[in-house]
Amino acid sequence: LERTKGSEVLFGVAPCRLALAGNRRALFRLLLKEQRGPARPLRAELALQAAARGLPVLHLPARALDELCRGRPHQGVCLEAAPLPFRSLRDAEEPRPGDGESGRRQLLWLVLEHVQDPMNMGALLRSAYFLGVDRVVATRSNSCPLTPIVSKASAGAMEVFDVYSTDDLQGFLKAKIAEGWEVVGTVSRAEDVEGVPVVSCSEFRWDRPLIVVIG
């Protein structure tokens, strides 16, 4: 199968389903595993979603999907799409302290620094989305790009959760501190850190907008 120039292949039910439901990237073709008899309800639903968006739906042998995904688990569903880039912080609407979840709590942002493994990146995005993190920011120069593997590992959260990037992490954090935000990192053992105050999670007081840095 000849790919559309510049495209990539999403794989797995959750990433493909959420990409079809959203409008965050250009989509080209839905690729489904060939099967005898009636189509499985979920695949039939995806085919209807694709048709509603005017996308061709191709039914291919399992081996062809395996090759497109390089042997990764696709669950009989792939989607040819344009890459999904990081969003620029310059284009982001600037929230005010107290705006988290319509003012019910303080804002919580997650900063990912030097997270290069796509499985780790996807797991962090999945957890951030599930736990209600308001924004994720990654360092552009040394973080994993938003690849199909990241989308799969995120259970599709990457398709509905904006991920921003910065080229100046130090400047970004200094600016947020000046605005009244608190910036914290994480360690596994307090004795591993010198010259920096360490507080246990059970004793930490979340009383202002918070940025958690992981990496």
C-alpha atoms as a PDB file:
ATOM      1  CA  LEU A   1       0.000   0.000   0.000  1.00  0.00           C
ATOM      2  CA  GLU A   2       1.454   3.337  -1.050  1.00  0.00           C
ATOM      3  CA  ARG A   3       1.207   5.885   1.720  1.00  0.00           C
ATOM      4  CA  THR A   4       0.087   9.472   1.280  1.00  0.00           C
ATOM      5  CA  LYS A   5       3.155  11.710   1.172  1.00  0.00           C
ATOM      6  CA  GLY A   6       4.027  13.088   4.598  1.00  0.00           C
ATOM      7  CA  SER A   7       1.517  10.888   6.399  1.00  0.00           C
ATOM      8  CA  GLU A   8       1.869   8.576   9.372  1.00  0.00           C
ATOM      9  CA  VAL A   9      -0.236   5.609  10.459  1.00  0.00           C
ATOM     10  CA  LEU A  10      -2.167   5.647  13.709  1.00  0.00           C
ATOM     11  CA  PHE A  11      -2.954   2.181  15.003  1.00  0.00           C
ATOM     12  CA  GLY A  12      -5.314   0.748  17.575  1.00  0.00           C
ATOM     13  CA  VAL A  13      -8.987   1.333  18.264  1.00  0.00           C
ATOM     14  CA  ALA A  14      -8.739   4.171  20.801  1.00  0.00           C
ATOM     15  CA  PRO A  15      -6.309   6.447  18.901  1.00  0.00           C
ATOM     16  CA  CYS A  16      -8.148   5.986  15.598  1.00  0.00           C
ATOM     17  CA  ARG A  17     -11.580   6.435  17.111  1.00  0.00           C
ATOM     18  CA  LEU A  18     -10.639   9.637  18.933  1.00  0.00           C
ATOM     19  CA  ALA A  19      -8.769  11.034  15.930  1.00  0.00           C
ATOM     20  CA  LEU A  20     -11.869  10.454  13.792  1.00  0.00           C
ATOM     21  CA  ALA A  21     -14.098  12.089  16.378  1.00  0.00           C
ATOM     22  CA  GLY A  22     -11.867  15.139  16.686  1.00  0.00           C
ATOM     23  CA  ASN A  23     -10.726  17.755  14.232  1.00  0.00           C
ATOM     24  CA  ARG A  24      -7.101  18.241  15.211  1.00  0.00           C
ATOM     25  CA  ARG A  25      -5.250  16.777  12.249  1.00  0.00           C
ATOM     26  CA  ALA A  26      -5.780  16.009   8.571  1.00  0.00           C
ATOM     27  CA  LEU A  27      -7.005  12.448   7.953  1.00  0.00           C
ATOM     28  CA  PHE A  28      -6.581  10.534   4.707  1.00  0.00           C
ATOM     29  CA  ARG A  29      -7.783   6.903   4.883  1.00  0.00           C
ATOM     30  CA  LEU A  30      -9.225   4.443   7.370  1.00  0.00           C
ATOM     31  CA  LEU A  31      -7.663   0.998   7.062  1.00  0.00           C
ATOM     32  CA  LEU A  32      -9.559  -1.978   8.469  1.00  0.00           C
ATOM     33  CA  LYS A  33      -8.669  -5.648   8.674  1.00  0.00           C
ATOM     34  CA  GLU A  34     -10.410  -7.840   6.141  1.00  0.00           C
ATOM     35  CA  GLN A  35     -12.840 -10.340   7.602  1.00  0.00           C
ATOM     36  CA  ARG A  36     -15.464 -12.765   6.476  1.00  0.00           C
ATOM     37  CA  GLY A  37     -19.069 -12.221   7.379  1.00  0.00           C
ATOM     38  CA  PRO A  38     -20.612  -9.151   9.007  1.00  0.00           C
ATOM     39  CA  ALA A  39     -18.272  -6.428  10.204  1.00  0.00           C
ATOM     40  CA  ARG A  40     -17.669  -6.184  13.920  1.00  0.00           C
ATOM     41  CA  PRO A  41     -19.843  -3.439  15.455  1.00  0.00           C
ATOM     42  CA  LEU A  42     -16.912  -1.253  16.483  1.00  0.00           C
ATOM     43  CA  ARG A  43     -15.227  -1.423  13.085  1.00  0.00           C
ATOM     44  CA  ALA A  44     -18.567  -0.769  11.396  1.00  0.00           C
ATOM     45  CA  GLU A  45     -18.981   2.302  13.599  1.00  0.00           C
ATOM     46  CA  LEU A  46     -15.518   3.550  12.650  1.00  0.00           C
ATOM     47  CA  ALA A  47     -16.290   3.012   8.971  1.00  0.00           C
ATOM     48  CA  LEU A  48     -19.431   5.128   9.355  1.00  0.00           C
ATOM     49  CA  GLN A  49     -17.439   7.864  11.101  1.00  0.00           C
ATOM     50  CA  ALA A  50     -14.898   7.856   8.298  1.00  0.00           C
ATOM     51  CA  ALA A  51     -17.585   7.941   5.614  1.00  0.00           C
ATOM     52  CA  ALA A  52     -19.249  10.886   7.357  1.00  0.00           C
ATOM     53  CA  ARG A  53     -15.966  12.768   7.024  1.00  0.00           C
ATOM     54  CA  GLY A  54     -15.559  11.763   3.386  1.00  0.00           C
ATOM     55  CA  LEU A  55     -12.625   9.438   4.037  1.00  0.00           C
ATOM     56  CA  PRO A  56     -11.981   6.326   1.957  1.00  0.00           C
ATOM     57  CA  VAL A  57     -12.254   3.056   3.885  1.00  0.00           C
ATOM     58  CA  LEU A  58      -9.934   0.244   2.778  1.00  0.00           C
ATOM     59  CA  HIS A  59     -10.179  -3.368   3.915  1.00  0.00           C
ATOM     60  CA  LEU A  60      -6.743  -4.984   3.961  1.00  0.00           C
ATOM     61  CA  PRO A  61      -5.266  -8.344   4.961  1.00  0.00           C
ATOM     62  CA  ALA A  62      -3.913  -8.497   8.497  1.00  0.00           C
ATOM     63  CA  ARG A  63      -0.397  -8.875   7.107  1.00  0.00           C
ATOM     64  CA  ALA A  64      -0.655  -5.523   5.320  1.00  0.00           C
ATOM     65  CA  LEU A  65      -1.704  -3.785   8.535  1.00  0.00           C
ATOM     66  CA  ASP A  66       1.125  -5.528  10.385  1.00  0.00           C
ATOM     67  CA  GLU A  67       3.598  -4.117   7.880  1.00  0.00           C
ATOM     68  CA  LEU A  68       2.170  -0.606   8.133  1.00  0.00           C
ATOM     69  CA  CYS A  69       2.467  -0.731  11.934  1.00  0.00           C
ATOM     70  CA  ARG A  70       5.778  -2.603  11.908  1.00  0.00           C
ATOM     71  CA  GLY A  71       4.279  -5.433  13.914  1.00  0.00           C
ATOM     72  CA  ARG A  72       2.723  -3.285  16.625  1.00  0.00           C
ATOM     73  CA  PRO A  73      -0.745  -4.209  17.978  1.00  0.00           C
ATOM     74  CA  HIS A  74      -3.309  -2.500  15.736  1.00  0.00           C
ATOM     75  CA  GLN A  75      -6.496  -4.401  16.717  1.00  0.00           C
ATOM     76  CA  GLY A  76      -7.480  -4.486  13.061  1.00  0.00           C
ATOM     77  CA  VAL A  77      -7.756  -0.693  12.815  1.00  0.00           C
ATOM     78  CA  CYS A  78      -5.326   1.850  11.334  1.00  0.00           C
ATOM     79  CA  LEU A  79      -5.758   5.436  10.232  1.00  0.00           C
ATOM     80  CA  GLU A  80      -3.558   7.305   7.789  1.00  0.00           C
ATOM     81  CA  ALA A  81      -3.163  10.865   9.029  1.00  0.00           C
ATOM     82  CA  ALA A  82      -0.967  13.938   8.993  1.00  0.00           C
ATOM     83  CA  PRO A  83       1.473  14.247  11.906  1.00  0.00           C
ATOM     84  CA  LEU A  84       0.210  16.040  15.001  1.00  0.00           C
ATOM     85  CA  PRO A  85       2.650  18.770  16.074  1.00  0.00           C
ATOM     86  CA  PHE A  86       3.087  20.331  19.475  1.00  0.00           C
ATOM     87  CA  ARG A  87       1.077  23.488  19.995  1.00  0.00           C
ATOM     88  CA  SER A  88       2.973  26.682  20.634  1.00  0.00           C
ATOM     89  CA  LEU A  89       2.591  28.336  24.014  1.00  0.00           C
ATOM     90  CA  ARG A  90       2.445  31.642  22.154  1.00  0.00           C
ATOM     91  CA  ASP A  91      -0.899  30.553  20.693  1.00  0.00           C
ATOM     92  CA  ALA A  92      -2.331  29.353  24.000  1.00  0.00           C
ATOM     93  CA  GLU A  93      -5.000  31.229  25.864  1.00  0.00           C
ATOM     94  CA  GLU A  94      -3.453  32.347  29.120  1.00  0.00           C
ATOM     95  CA  PRO A  95      -5.529  31.099  32.068  1.00  0.00           C
ATOM     96  CA  ARG A  96      -5.685  33.014  35.299  1.00  0.00           C
ATOM     97  CA  PRO A  97      -4.998  31.522  38.736  1.00  0.00           C
ATOM     98  CA  GLY A  98      -8.232  30.041  40.074  1.00  0.00           C
ATOM     99  CA  ASP A  99      -9.544  29.103  36.615  1.00  0.00           C
ATOM    100  CA  GLY A 100      -8.890  25.372  36.999  1.00  0.00           C
ATOM    101  CA  GLU A 101     -12.071  23.432  36.233  1.00  0.00           C
ATOM    102  CA  SER A 102     -14.204  26.591  36.229  1.00  0.00           C
ATOM    103  CA  GLY A 103     -12.634  27.909  39.411  1.00  0.00           C
ATOM    104  CA  ARG A 104     -13.305  24.870  41.592  1.00  0.00           C
ATOM    105  CA  ARG A 105      -9.588  24.376  42.286  1.00  0.00           C
ATOM    106  CA  GLN A 106      -6.141  25.726  41.544  1.00  0.00           C
ATOM    107  CA  LEU A 107      -4.591  25.200  38.135  1.00  0.00           C
ATOM    108  CA  LEU A 108      -2.298  22.209  37.641  1.00  0.00           C
ATOM    109  CA  TRP A 109       0.175  22.038  34.768  1.00  0.00           C
ATOM    110  CA  LEU A 110       2.588  19.228  33.934  1.00  0.00           C
ATOM    111  CA  VAL A 111       5.965  19.986  32.349  1.00  0.00           C
ATOM    112  CA  LEU A 112       7.807  17.134  30.626  1.00  0.00           C
ATOM    113  CA  GLU A 113      11.537  17.705  30.302  1.00  0.00           C
ATOM    114  CA  HIS A 114      13.726  15.291  28.356  1.00  0.00           C
ATOM    115  CA  VAL A 115      11.057  12.568  28.120  1.00  0.00           C
ATOM    116  CA  GLN A 116      12.309  10.747  25.035  1.00  0.00           C
ATOM    117  CA  ASP A 117      10.730   7.302  25.316  1.00  0.00           C
ATOM    118  CA  PRO A 118       7.398   7.308  23.405  1.00  0.00           C
ATOM    119  CA  MET A 119       5.837   4.740  25.734  1.00  0.00           C
ATOM    120  CA  ASN A 120       6.676   6.895  28.760  1.00  0.00           C
ATOM    121  CA  MET A 121       5.410  10.005  26.999  1.00  0.00           C
ATOM    122  CA  GLY A 122       2.138   8.289  26.150  1.00  0.00           C
ATOM    123  CA  ALA A 123       1.681   6.944  29.676  1.00  0.00           C
ATOM    124  CA  LEU A 124       2.237  10.420  31.132  1.00  0.00           C
ATOM    125  CA  LEU A 125      -0.295  11.968  28.755  1.00  0.00           C
ATOM    126  CA  ARG A 126      -2.831   9.248  29.553  1.00  0.00           C
ATOM    127  CA  SER A 127      -2.436   9.790  33.295  1.00  0.00           C
ATOM    128  CA  ALA A 128      -2.485  13.587  32.971  1.00  0.00           C
ATOM    129  CA  TYR A 129      -5.721  13.485  30.989  1.00  0.00           C
ATOM    130  CA  PHE A 130      -7.379  11.045  33.392  1.00  0.00           C
ATOM    131  CA  LEU A 131      -6.313  12.995  36.487  1.00  0.00           C
ATOM    132  CA  GLY A 132      -7.526  16.337  35.163  1.00  0.00           C
ATOM    133  CA  VAL A 133      -4.250  18.152  34.499  1.00  0.00           C
ATOM    134  CA  ASP A 134      -5.092  21.489  32.900  1.00  0.00           C
ATOM    135  CA  ARG A 135      -2.128  21.723  30.539  1.00  0.00           C
ATOM    136  CA  VAL A 136       0.916  19.721  29.460  1.00  0.00           C
ATOM    137  CA  VAL A 137       4.066  21.458  28.245  1.00  0.00           C
ATOM    138  CA  ALA A 138       7.057  19.597  26.793  1.00  0.00           C
ATOM    139  CA  THR A 139      10.520  20.827  25.924  1.00  0.00           C
ATOM    140  CA  ARG A 140      10.660  20.878  22.146  1.00  0.00           C
ATOM    141  CA  SER A 141      14.363  20.200  21.635  1.00  0.00           C
ATOM    142  CA  ASN A 142      14.786  17.089  23.782  1.00  0.00           C
ATOM    143  CA  SER A 143      11.354  15.494  24.134  1.00  0.00           C
ATOM    144  CA  CYS A 144       9.769  12.720  22.123  1.00  0.00           C
ATOM    145  CA  PRO A 145       7.563  14.007  19.271  1.00  0.00           C
ATOM    146  CA  LEU A 146       3.856  13.174  19.205  1.00  0.00           C
ATOM    147  CA  THR A 147       4.100   9.948  17.220  1.00  0.00           C
ATOM    148  CA  PRO A 148       1.564   7.147  16.638  1.00  0.00           C
ATOM    149  CA  ILE A 149       3.348   5.122  19.333  1.00  0.00           C
ATOM    150  CA  VAL A 150       2.768   7.946  21.816  1.00  0.00           C
ATOM    151  CA  SER A 151      -0.891   8.101  20.791  1.00  0.00           C
ATOM    152  CA  LYS A 152      -1.309   4.354  21.282  1.00  0.00           C
ATOM    153  CA  ALA A 153       0.441   4.417  24.676  1.00  0.00           C
ATOM    154  CA  SER A 154      -1.782   7.321  25.720  1.00  0.00           C
ATOM    155  CA  ALA A 155      -4.907   5.251  24.895  1.00  0.00           C
ATOM    156  CA  GLY A 156      -5.783   8.000  22.428  1.00  0.00           C
ATOM    157  CA  ALA A 157      -5.584  10.848  24.953  1.00  0.00           C
ATOM    158  CA  MET A 158      -3.039  12.556  22.700  1.00  0.00           C
ATOM    159  CA  GLU A 159      -5.785  12.961  20.083  1.00  0.00           C
ATOM    160  CA  VAL A 160      -7.996  15.064  22.368  1.00  0.00           C
ATOM    161  CA  PHE A 161      -5.503  16.658  24.771  1.00  0.00           C
ATOM    162  CA  ASP A 162      -3.435  19.611  23.550  1.00  0.00           C
ATOM    163  CA  VAL A 163       0.285  19.267  24.242  1.00  0.00           C
ATOM    164  CA  TYR A 164       2.262  22.497  24.161  1.00  0.00           C
ATOM    165  CA  SER A 165       5.993  23.004  23.762  1.00  0.00           C
ATOM    166  CA  THR A 166       8.630  25.519  24.742  1.00  0.00           C
ATOM    167  CA  ASP A 167      12.175  26.167  23.558  1.00  0.00           C
ATOM    168  CA  ASP A 168      13.043  28.029  26.754  1.00  0.00           C
ATOM    169  CA  LEU A 169      12.032  25.955  29.751  1.00  0.00           C
ATOM    170  CA  GLN A 170      14.046  27.989  32.241  1.00  0.00           C
ATOM    171  CA  GLY A 171      12.551  31.256  31.031  1.00  0.00           C
ATOM    172  CA  PHE A 172       9.053  29.766  31.013  1.00  0.00           C
ATOM    173  CA  LEU A 173       9.335  28.536  34.608  1.00  0.00           C
ATOM    174  CA  LYS A 174      10.840  31.820  35.825  1.00  0.00           C
ATOM    175  CA  ALA A 175       7.959  33.723  34.238  1.00  0.00           C
ATOM    176  CA  LYS A 176       5.350  31.495  35.911  1.00  0.00           C
ATOM    177  CA  ILE A 177       7.061  31.843  39.304  1.00  0.00           C
ATOM    178  CA  ALA A 178       6.958  35.628  38.891  1.00  0.00           C
ATOM    179  CA  GLU A 179       3.210  35.312  38.239  1.00  0.00           C
ATOM    180  CA  GLY A 180       2.708  33.517  41.551  1.00  0.00           C
ATOM    181  CA  TRP A 181       2.880  29.887  40.461  1.00  0.00           C
ATOM    182  CA  GLU A 182       4.686  27.230  42.460  1.00  0.00           C
ATOM    183  CA  VAL A 183       7.084  24.935  40.580  1.00  0.00           C
ATOM    184  CA  VAL A 184       7.948  21.522  42.022  1.00  0.00           C
ATOM    185  CA  GLY A 185       9.897  18.489  40.909  1.00  0.00           C
ATOM    186  CA  THR A 186       9.780  14.897  42.078  1.00  0.00           C
ATOM    187  CA  VAL A 187      12.354  12.586  43.660  1.00  0.00           C
ATOM    188  CA  SER A 188      12.136   8.993  44.794  1.00  0.00           C
ATOM    189  CA  ARG A 189      14.224   9.542  47.935  1.00  0.00           C
ATOM    190  CA  ALA A 190      14.827  12.750  49.882  1.00  0.00           C
ATOM    191  CA  GLU A 191      18.440  11.796  50.576  1.00  0.00           C
ATOM    192  CA  ASP A 192      19.173  11.883  46.839  1.00  0.00           C
ATOM    193  CA  VAL A 193      18.781  15.684  46.781  1.00  0.00           C
ATOM    194  CA  GLU A 194      21.039  18.292  48.356  1.00  0.00           C
ATOM    195  CA  GLY A 195      20.367  21.984  48.827  1.00  0.00           C
ATOM    196  CA  VAL A 196      16.691  21.764  47.860  1.00  0.00           C
ATOM    197  CA  PRO A 197      13.801  21.448  50.337  1.00  0.00           C
ATOM    198  CA  VAL A 198      11.970  18.127  50.015  1.00  0.00           C
ATOM    199  CA  VAL A 199       8.383  17.698  51.214  1.00  0.00           C
ATOM    200  CA  SER A 200       6.415  14.453  51.224  1.00  0.00           C
ATOM    201  CA  CYS A 201       3.253  14.311  49.120  1.00  0.00           C
ATOM    202  CA  SER A 202       1.120  13.880  52.241  1.00  0.00           C
ATOM    203  CA  GLU A 203       2.495  17.115  53.718  1.00  0.00           C
ATOM    204  CA  PHE A 204       2.470  19.231  50.568  1.00  0.00           C
ATOM    205  CA  ARG A 205      -0.016  22.130  50.604  1.00  0.00           C
ATOM    206  CA  TRP A 206      -1.543  22.933  47.225  1.00  0.00           C
ATOM    207  CA  ASP A 207      -2.714  26.479  47.771  1.00  0.00           C
ATOM    208  CA  ARG A 208      -1.712  28.202  44.537  1.00  0.00           C
ATOM    209  CA  PRO A 209      -1.318  27.372  40.831  1.00  0.00           C
ATOM    210  CA  LEU A 210       1.117  24.501  40.484  1.00  0.00           C
ATOM    211  CA  ILE A 211       3.562  23.259  37.851  1.00  0.00           C
ATOM    212  CA  VAL A 212       4.945  19.743  38.298  1.00  0.00           C
ATOM    213  CA  VAL A 213       8.147  19.082  36.352  1.00  0.00           C
ATOM    214  CA  ILE A 214       8.973  15.493  35.387  1.00  0.00           C
ATOM    215  CA  GLY A 215      12.010  14.440  33.433  1.00  0.00           C
END
